[in-house]
Amino acid sequence: MRSILLVLSGLLIAVGALIATRATAPARVAASPPAASVAESKGNIGKSIRDYLMANPEVLVEAMKELERREDSERDTQAQKGVMEHQKELLNDPDSPFSGNPSGDVTIVEFSDYQCPYCKRAFSAIKSVMAADSKVKLVYKDLPILGDASKIAAFAALASRNQNKHEAFHDALMAYNGRLDRDRIMEIAKSVGIDTDKLQKDMEDPKLKEIIDRNVALASALGVRGTPAFVIGKQFVPGAVDADALKQLISDARKG
């Protein structure tokens, strides 16, 4: 639907520009047409466009595909530029939790939301690949974009580092398939051995908001439009990936 609206908007802008040019251009011989004629001309052009699109709906499909191709190309260009310019924030932020091999030869940076179903789908692939590959480091970038429960979960996950429980808590949150709220998040925390009284007190640390704000700014610099999103080596990867695709991306990163 968004693509259709953008295409139609583009058509209308083009038509409007054409009409404006014709309506405002100085006449060389005759005087400018009266307002009624301009209005009639607008109506005729609009009807012609509508009739053409109704008779040739495949044009809209082709236009949408071209629009998506251009948007993807622009996103990839922005992402690649962002990855190169923000290596330090991606790879060496001491406030970003990580798991796997701290000296791994490939680093995966993941932007995720604990309520995102696609993040949960990618989670199982990541776990299976990392279990079989001891040379990978995974850096977590919380990007809570799906409401208040997502923000509470992100704050709780970051605060769990004070009890050395981040990986266990992260995994439990990702493995949970129900609806999250504060009470359920605390239940999950307790299930992995977290002192929830201390956790909730630690969640009030203003530094946690600063960390998430930095993640949001970094995601924006990379052109991240949703979760999950990954940087694997120097490759930006939007959307969920399966185990086979992840293995190939890691292999490509190792080749440089």
Protein backbone atom coordinates (compact mmCIF):
# COMPACT_ATOMS: atom_id res chain seq x y z
CA MET A 1 0.00 0.00 0.00
CA ARG A 2 2.83 2.43 0.87
CA SER A 3 4.46 1.80 -2.51
CA ILE A 4 1.19 2.35 -4.36
CA LEU A 5 0.68 5.66 -2.58
CA LEU A 6 4.21 6.73 -3.39
CA VAL A 7 3.78 5.82 -7.05
CA LEU A 8 0.47 7.64 -7.32
CA SER A 9 1.94 10.60 -5.49
CA GLY A 10 4.81 10.67 -7.97
CA LEU A 11 2.40 10.56 -10.88
CA LEU A 12 0.31 13.37 -9.43
CA ILE A 13 3.39 15.50 -8.81
CA ALA A 14 4.53 14.96 -12.39
CA VAL A 15 1.10 15.80 -13.74
CA GLY A 16 0.88 18.84 -11.49
CA ALA A 17 4.24 20.06 -12.70
CA LEU A 18 3.19 19.60 -16.29
CA ILE A 19 -0.06 21.47 -15.74
CA ALA A 20 1.69 24.25 -13.84
CA THR A 21 4.21 24.66 -16.65
CA ARG A 22 1.52 24.85 -19.26
CA ALA A 23 -0.68 27.13 -17.22
CA THR A 24 2.01 29.63 -16.28
CA ALA A 25 4.15 29.68 -19.43
CA PRO A 26 3.94 33.03 -21.26
CA ALA A 27 1.88 32.94 -24.45
CA ARG A 28 3.69 33.88 -27.60
CA VAL A 29 0.68 34.62 -29.75
CA ALA A 30 -2.53 34.35 -27.79
CA ALA A 31 -3.29 35.43 -24.23
CA SER A 32 -3.19 32.89 -21.39
CA PRO A 33 -6.29 30.68 -21.27
CA PRO A 34 -8.98 31.58 -18.74
CA ALA A 35 -9.10 29.80 -15.37
CA ALA A 36 -11.99 27.65 -16.50
CA SER A 37 -9.90 26.26 -19.36
CA VAL A 38 -7.01 25.44 -17.02
CA ALA A 39 -9.38 23.61 -14.67
CA GLU A 40 -10.87 21.69 -17.59
CA SER A 41 -7.37 20.79 -18.79
CA LYS A 42 -6.46 19.47 -15.35
CA GLY A 43 -9.59 17.36 -15.29
CA ASN A 44 -8.93 15.94 -18.74
CA ILE A 45 -5.34 15.01 -17.93
CA GLY A 46 -6.36 13.42 -14.66
CA LYS A 47 -9.06 11.38 -16.40
CA SER A 48 -6.61 10.29 -19.09
CA ILE A 49 -4.13 9.07 -16.49
CA ARG A 50 -6.85 7.21 -14.61
CA ASP A 51 -8.20 5.60 -17.78
CA TYR A 52 -4.70 4.53 -18.82
CA LEU A 53 -3.90 3.01 -15.42
CA MET A 54 -7.23 1.20 -15.28
CA ALA A 55 -6.60 -0.25 -18.72
CA ASN A 56 -2.93 -1.08 -17.95
CA PRO A 57 -2.67 -1.95 -14.22
CA GLU A 58 0.61 -3.76 -14.86
CA VAL A 59 2.19 -0.32 -15.20
CA LEU A 60 1.63 0.22 -11.46
CA VAL A 61 3.25 -3.12 -10.66
CA GLU A 62 6.27 -2.23 -12.78
CA ALA A 63 6.46 1.21 -11.20
CA MET A 64 6.28 -0.25 -7.68
CA LYS A 65 9.06 -2.72 -8.46
CA GLU A 66 11.22 0.07 -9.83
CA LEU A 67 10.46 2.24 -6.80
CA GLU A 68 11.41 -0.58 -4.42
CA ARG A 69 14.59 -1.23 -6.42
CA ARG A 70 15.58 2.43 -6.12
CA GLU A 71 14.72 2.54 -2.41
CA ASP A 72 16.77 -0.61 -1.79
CA SER A 73 19.69 0.82 -3.73
CA GLU A 74 19.55 4.07 -1.76
CA ARG A 75 19.31 2.14 1.52
CA ASP A 76 22.27 -0.06 0.62
CA THR A 77 24.38 2.95 -0.32
CA GLN A 78 23.52 4.74 2.92
CA ALA A 79 24.10 1.58 4.96
CA GLN A 80 27.49 0.86 3.43
CA LYS A 81 28.59 4.45 4.04
CA GLY A 82 27.30 4.24 7.61
CA VAL A 83 29.06 0.95 8.31
CA MET A 84 32.39 2.36 7.19
CA GLU A 85 31.96 5.62 9.14
CA HIS A 86 30.77 4.05 12.39
CA GLN A 87 33.10 1.09 12.91
CA LYS A 88 34.02 2.20 16.43
CA GLU A 89 30.39 2.47 17.58
CA LEU A 90 29.50 -0.83 15.94
CA LEU A 91 32.41 -2.92 17.12
CA ASN A 92 34.01 -1.28 20.15
CA ASP A 93 31.29 0.30 22.27
CA PRO A 94 32.04 -0.93 25.82
CA ASP A 95 28.40 -0.37 26.76
CA SER A 96 27.11 -2.87 24.20
CA PRO A 97 26.68 -6.42 25.56
CA PHE A 98 28.20 -9.23 23.55
CA SER A 99 28.48 -13.01 23.50
CA GLY A 100 30.58 -15.58 21.70
CA ASN A 101 34.30 -15.21 21.17
CA PRO A 102 35.52 -11.74 22.26
CA SER A 103 38.49 -12.20 19.90
CA GLY A 104 36.46 -13.69 17.08
CA ASP A 105 37.57 -13.17 13.50
CA VAL A 106 34.03 -12.15 12.49
CA THR A 107 31.72 -9.86 14.44
CA ILE A 108 27.96 -9.84 14.02
CA VAL A 109 26.20 -6.70 15.22
CA GLU A 110 22.47 -7.20 15.73
CA PHE A 111 19.80 -4.51 16.12
CA SER A 112 16.79 -6.18 17.70
CA ASP A 113 13.55 -5.77 19.63
CA TYR A 114 12.39 -8.37 22.16
CA GLN A 115 8.84 -8.25 20.79
CA CYS A 116 9.83 -8.59 17.15
CA PRO A 117 8.75 -11.99 15.72
CA TYR A 118 11.38 -11.77 12.99
CA CYS A 119 14.08 -11.23 15.61
CA LYS A 120 12.89 -14.38 17.36
CA ARG A 121 13.06 -16.27 14.07
CA ALA A 122 16.61 -15.08 13.46
CA PHE A 123 17.54 -15.87 17.07
CA SER A 124 17.36 -19.64 16.56
CA ALA A 125 19.53 -19.40 13.44
CA ILE A 126 22.12 -17.29 15.27
CA LYS A 127 22.27 -19.70 18.21
CA SER A 128 22.73 -22.75 16.01
CA VAL A 129 25.42 -21.12 13.88
CA MET A 130 27.35 -19.77 16.86
CA ALA A 131 27.19 -23.14 18.60
CA ALA A 132 29.00 -24.62 15.64
CA ASP A 133 31.43 -21.74 15.04
CA SER A 134 33.68 -20.72 17.92
CA LYS A 135 35.23 -17.78 16.06
CA VAL A 136 32.23 -15.47 15.96
CA LYS A 137 31.45 -12.54 18.27
CA LEU A 138 27.88 -11.25 18.60
CA VAL A 139 27.27 -7.65 19.66
CA TYR A 140 23.77 -6.73 20.87
CA LYS A 141 22.23 -3.36 19.99
CA ASP A 142 18.83 -2.94 21.62
CA LEU A 143 16.43 -1.09 19.34
CA PRO A 144 13.07 -1.09 21.14
CA ILE A 145 10.66 0.16 18.49
CA LEU A 146 7.52 -1.86 19.26
CA GLY A 147 6.11 -0.07 22.26
CA ASP A 148 6.56 0.31 26.00
CA ALA A 149 7.08 -3.40 26.70
CA SER A 150 9.97 -3.43 24.23
CA LYS A 151 11.57 -0.51 26.08
CA ILE A 152 11.12 -2.19 29.47
CA ALA A 153 12.67 -5.40 28.13
CA ALA A 154 15.61 -3.50 26.64
CA PHE A 155 16.27 -1.62 29.89
CA ALA A 156 16.00 -4.87 31.84
CA ALA A 157 18.38 -6.70 29.51
CA LEU A 158 20.99 -3.96 29.78
CA ALA A 159 20.59 -3.78 33.57
CA SER A 160 21.04 -7.56 33.85
CA ARG A 161 24.69 -7.07 32.98
CA ASN A 162 25.21 -5.96 36.58
CA GLN A 163 24.39 -9.53 37.60
CA ASN A 164 26.34 -11.15 34.74
CA LYS A 165 23.11 -12.57 33.35
CA HIS A 166 22.72 -10.74 30.06
CA GLU A 167 23.17 -13.66 27.66
CA ALA A 168 20.88 -15.98 29.64
CA PHE A 169 18.24 -13.28 30.00
CA HIS A 170 18.50 -12.24 26.34
CA ASP A 171 18.06 -15.83 25.22
CA ALA A 172 15.08 -16.37 27.52
CA LEU A 173 13.38 -13.19 26.29
CA MET A 174 13.93 -14.15 22.66
CA ALA A 175 12.70 -17.69 23.25
CA TYR A 176 9.49 -16.45 24.85
CA ASN A 177 6.64 -16.32 22.35
CA GLY A 178 3.89 -14.68 24.40
CA ARG A 179 3.03 -11.05 24.94
CA LEU A 180 5.46 -9.12 27.09
CA ASP A 181 4.71 -6.69 29.91
CA ARG A 182 6.67 -5.64 32.98
CA ASP A 183 5.39 -8.52 35.14
CA ARG A 184 6.17 -11.15 32.52
CA ILE A 185 9.63 -9.65 31.91
CA MET A 186 10.36 -9.90 35.64
CA GLU A 187 9.11 -13.51 35.68
CA ILE A 188 11.49 -14.36 32.84
CA ALA A 189 14.32 -12.58 34.65
CA LYS A 190 13.64 -14.55 37.80
CA SER A 191 13.58 -17.81 35.83
CA VAL A 192 17.24 -17.32 34.84
CA GLY A 193 18.37 -16.51 38.37
CA ILE A 194 18.18 -12.71 38.35
CA ASP A 195 17.46 -10.79 41.55
CA THR A 196 14.48 -8.80 40.26
CA ASP A 197 14.54 -6.23 43.08
CA LYS A 198 18.08 -5.31 42.18
CA LEU A 199 17.27 -5.48 38.48
CA GLN A 200 14.44 -2.96 38.74
CA LYS A 201 16.62 -0.61 40.76
CA ASP A 202 19.42 -0.92 38.19
CA MET A 203 16.96 -0.22 35.39
CA GLU A 204 16.58 3.32 36.74
CA ASP A 205 20.18 4.17 35.84
CA PRO A 206 19.96 7.08 33.32
CA LYS A 207 22.96 5.66 31.49
CA LEU A 208 20.74 2.92 30.06
CA LYS A 209 18.62 5.45 28.19
CA GLU A 210 21.79 7.02 26.84
CA ILE A 211 22.88 3.62 25.49
CA ILE A 212 19.56 3.03 23.77
CA ASP A 213 19.54 6.57 22.38
CA ARG A 214 22.98 5.93 20.88
CA ASN A 215 21.69 2.69 19.36
CA VAL A 216 18.78 4.57 17.80
CA ALA A 217 21.12 7.21 16.36
CA LEU A 218 23.46 4.53 15.01
CA ALA A 219 20.56 2.63 13.44
CA SER A 220 19.41 5.86 11.80
CA ALA A 221 22.90 6.50 10.42
CA LEU A 222 22.84 3.04 8.83
CA GLY A 223 19.34 3.47 7.44
CA VAL A 224 17.86 0.70 9.57
CA ARG A 225 14.11 0.64 8.90
CA GLY A 226 13.10 -2.17 11.23
CA THR A 227 14.27 -5.13 13.24
CA PRO A 228 16.18 -7.29 13.00
CA ALA A 229 19.06 -5.71 11.13
CA PHE A 230 22.66 -6.93 11.10
CA VAL A 231 26.14 -5.83 10.28
CA ILE A 232 28.24 -8.90 9.53
CA GLY A 233 31.84 -8.00 8.94
CA LYS A 234 31.33 -4.88 6.83
CA GLN A 235 28.10 -6.04 5.21
CA PHE A 236 24.74 -4.53 6.18
CA VAL A 237 21.97 -7.14 6.23
CA PRO A 238 18.35 -6.01 6.75
CA GLY A 239 15.75 -8.48 7.95
CA ALA A 240 15.79 -11.99 9.37
CA VAL A 241 18.32 -14.51 8.07
CA ASP A 242 18.26 -18.30 8.24
CA ALA A 243 21.19 -20.46 9.30
CA ASP A 244 22.45 -21.16 5.78
CA ALA A 245 22.40 -17.49 4.80
CA LEU A 246 24.15 -16.58 8.05
CA LYS A 247 26.90 -19.14 7.45
CA GLN A 248 27.46 -17.75 3.96
CA LEU A 249 27.61 -14.17 5.23
CA ILE A 250 30.16 -15.17 7.87
CA SER A 251 32.20 -16.99 5.22
CA ASP A 252 32.09 -13.91 2.98
CA ALA A 253 33.22 -11.73 5.88
CA ARG A 254 36.20 -13.98 6.49
CA LYS A 255 37.23 -13.63 2.85
CA GLY A 256 37.19 -9.87 3.27
